[in-house]
Protein backbone atom coordinates (compact mmCIF):
# COMPACT_ATOMS: atom_id res chain seq x y z
CA UNK A 1 0.00 0.00 0.00
CA UNK A 2 1.08 3.51 -0.64
CA UNK A 3 0.67 6.47 1.64
CA UNK A 4 -2.10 8.78 0.45
CA UNK A 5 -1.24 12.47 0.70
CA UNK A 6 -3.63 14.82 2.48
CA UNK A 7 -4.67 16.36 -0.84
CA UNK A 8 -5.49 12.96 -2.38
CA UNK A 9 -9.17 13.94 -2.46
CA UNK A 10 -8.21 16.32 -5.29
CA UNK A 11 -6.22 13.72 -7.26
CA UNK A 12 -7.24 12.81 -10.81
CA UNK A 13 -8.83 9.48 -9.75
CA UNK A 14 -10.85 11.30 -7.07
CA UNK A 15 -11.96 13.96 -9.52
CA UNK A 16 -13.32 11.10 -11.63
CA UNK A 17 -15.07 9.66 -8.56
CA UNK A 18 -16.61 13.06 -7.78
CA UNK A 19 -18.40 13.01 -11.15
CA UNK A 20 -20.45 10.12 -9.78
CA UNK A 21 -21.36 11.44 -6.32
CA UNK A 22 -25.11 10.81 -5.91
CA UNK A 23 -27.50 13.75 -5.78
CA UNK A 24 -29.30 12.07 -2.88
CA UNK A 25 -28.52 9.29 -0.41
CA UNK A 26 -31.85 7.74 0.45
CA UNK A 27 -34.10 10.70 1.22
CA UNK A 28 -31.11 12.90 2.15
CA UNK A 29 -30.13 15.82 -0.09
CA UNK A 30 -26.56 16.88 -0.83
CA UNK A 31 -25.23 19.65 1.40
CA UNK A 32 -22.26 21.99 1.50
CA UNK A 33 -19.11 20.66 3.18
CA UNK A 34 -16.50 22.59 5.16
CA UNK A 35 -13.81 21.02 2.96
CA UNK A 36 -13.40 22.69 -0.42
CA UNK A 37 -12.68 19.61 -2.51
CA UNK A 38 -14.61 17.79 -5.21
CA UNK A 39 -13.46 14.52 -3.62
CA UNK A 40 -15.45 15.21 -0.44
CA UNK A 41 -19.24 15.35 -0.33
CA UNK A 42 -22.02 15.18 2.27
CA UNK A 43 -25.75 14.51 2.55
CA UNK A 44 -28.35 14.91 5.30
CA UNK A 45 -28.23 16.25 8.85
CA UNK A 46 -26.25 15.00 10.68
CA UNK A 47 -24.12 14.63 7.56
CA UNK A 48 -23.26 11.37 5.86
CA UNK A 49 -19.77 12.24 4.59
CA UNK A 50 -18.02 10.60 1.65
CA UNK A 51 -14.35 11.10 0.86
CA UNK A 52 -12.13 9.78 -1.88
CA UNK A 53 -8.38 9.48 -1.40
CA UNK A 54 -8.10 7.19 1.58
CA UNK A 55 -5.35 4.57 1.69
CA UNK A 56 -6.80 1.15 0.83
CA UNK A 57 -7.43 -1.04 3.87
CA UNK A 58 -5.28 -4.10 4.36
CA UNK A 59 -6.30 -7.35 6.00
CA UNK A 60 -8.85 -6.74 8.73
CA UNK A 61 -11.19 -8.58 11.05
CA UNK A 62 -13.90 -5.95 10.46
CA UNK A 63 -16.87 -7.25 8.47
CA UNK A 64 -16.72 -6.92 4.70
CA UNK A 65 -19.96 -6.65 2.79
CA UNK A 66 -20.71 -6.76 -0.92
CA UNK A 67 -23.15 -4.08 -2.01
CA UNK A 68 -24.06 -4.56 -5.67
CA UNK A 69 -20.57 -5.79 -6.54
CA UNK A 70 -18.61 -3.26 -4.46
CA UNK A 71 -16.74 -4.58 -1.40
CA UNK A 72 -17.00 -2.36 1.69
CA UNK A 73 -15.26 -2.85 5.04
CA UNK A 74 -17.54 -1.78 7.91
CA UNK A 75 -15.65 -0.33 10.88
CA UNK A 76 -17.63 0.65 14.00
CA UNK A 77 -16.75 4.09 15.36
CA UNK A 78 -16.52 5.11 19.01
CA UNK A 79 -19.49 7.48 18.63
CA UNK A 80 -21.79 4.66 17.44
CA UNK A 81 -21.50 5.49 13.74
CA UNK A 82 -19.92 3.34 11.06
CA UNK A 83 -17.08 3.98 8.64
CA UNK A 84 -17.44 2.12 5.35
CA UNK A 85 -14.29 1.88 3.22
CA UNK A 86 -14.05 0.35 -0.23
CA UNK A 87 -11.85 -2.74 -0.34
CA UNK A 88 -9.49 -3.53 -3.21
CA UNK A 89 -9.55 -0.04 -4.75
CA UNK A 90 -6.75 2.53 -4.73
CA UNK A 91 -7.56 5.21 -3.79
CA UNK A 92 -10.25 3.99 -1.45
CA UNK A 93 -13.56 5.72 -0.78
CA UNK A 94 -14.73 6.26 2.77
CA UNK A 95 -18.35 6.85 3.79
CA UNK A 96 -18.94 7.98 7.37
CA UNK A 97 -22.47 7.22 8.56
CA UNK A 98 -23.50 8.79 11.88
CA UNK A 99 -25.24 6.67 14.53
CA UNK A 100 -28.48 8.59 13.87
CA UNK A 101 -29.02 6.45 10.74
CA UNK A 102 -30.02 2.89 11.63
CA UNK A 103 -29.90 1.30 8.17
CA UNK A 104 -26.21 1.88 7.51
CA UNK A 105 -25.59 -0.64 4.69
CA UNK A 106 -28.81 0.43 2.98
CA UNK A 107 -27.28 3.86 2.47
CA UNK A 108 -24.37 2.48 0.37
CA UNK A 109 -26.02 1.63 -3.02
CA UNK A 110 -26.00 5.29 -4.19
CA UNK A 111 -22.18 5.24 -3.89
CA UNK A 112 -21.77 2.28 -6.27
CA UNK A 113 -21.05 4.30 -9.42
CA UNK A 114 -18.55 6.51 -7.58
CA UNK A 115 -16.77 3.46 -6.12
CA UNK A 116 -16.67 1.72 -9.49
CA UNK A 117 -14.88 4.74 -11.00
CA UNK A 118 -11.80 3.28 -9.26
CA UNK A 119 -10.97 -0.21 -10.59
CA UNK A 120 -10.87 -3.06 -8.07
CA UNK A 121 -7.27 -4.16 -8.67
CA UNK A 122 -6.15 -5.04 -5.13
CA UNK A 123 -8.29 -8.14 -4.59
CA UNK A 124 -11.63 -8.85 -3.03
CA UNK A 125 -12.76 -9.44 0.51
CA UNK A 126 -12.32 -13.08 1.46
CA UNK A 127 -15.43 -15.12 1.98
CA UNK A 128 -14.38 -15.46 5.65
CA UNK A 129 -14.85 -11.68 6.05
CA UNK A 130 -18.34 -11.56 4.53
């Protein structure tokens, strides 16, 4: 794995990803973010935040789920929310879902086209992780 620089959200691959950010996530409309980058977007209140440019995750014991052909690693956060990170894609996409939303994985399908803008070249989640 390579280290992803802080400005990776503005990289060419992430600019491509940004072309596919959904206009809505479930019933939640897009909103303005504090970060001025096309590779970062948000929806709803509290915000569901998506960011491109994260370093791809390595082996993990966190659950990995397939959502319409995209592998996502689900990492529980201390505040009760969940961080979903694409697996096998470089750069990775991260979707932070606050605890206020109970159907976390159901919020991921709108991110499929954005995730697929980055080819899955680093493998798939093992069946033991699913």
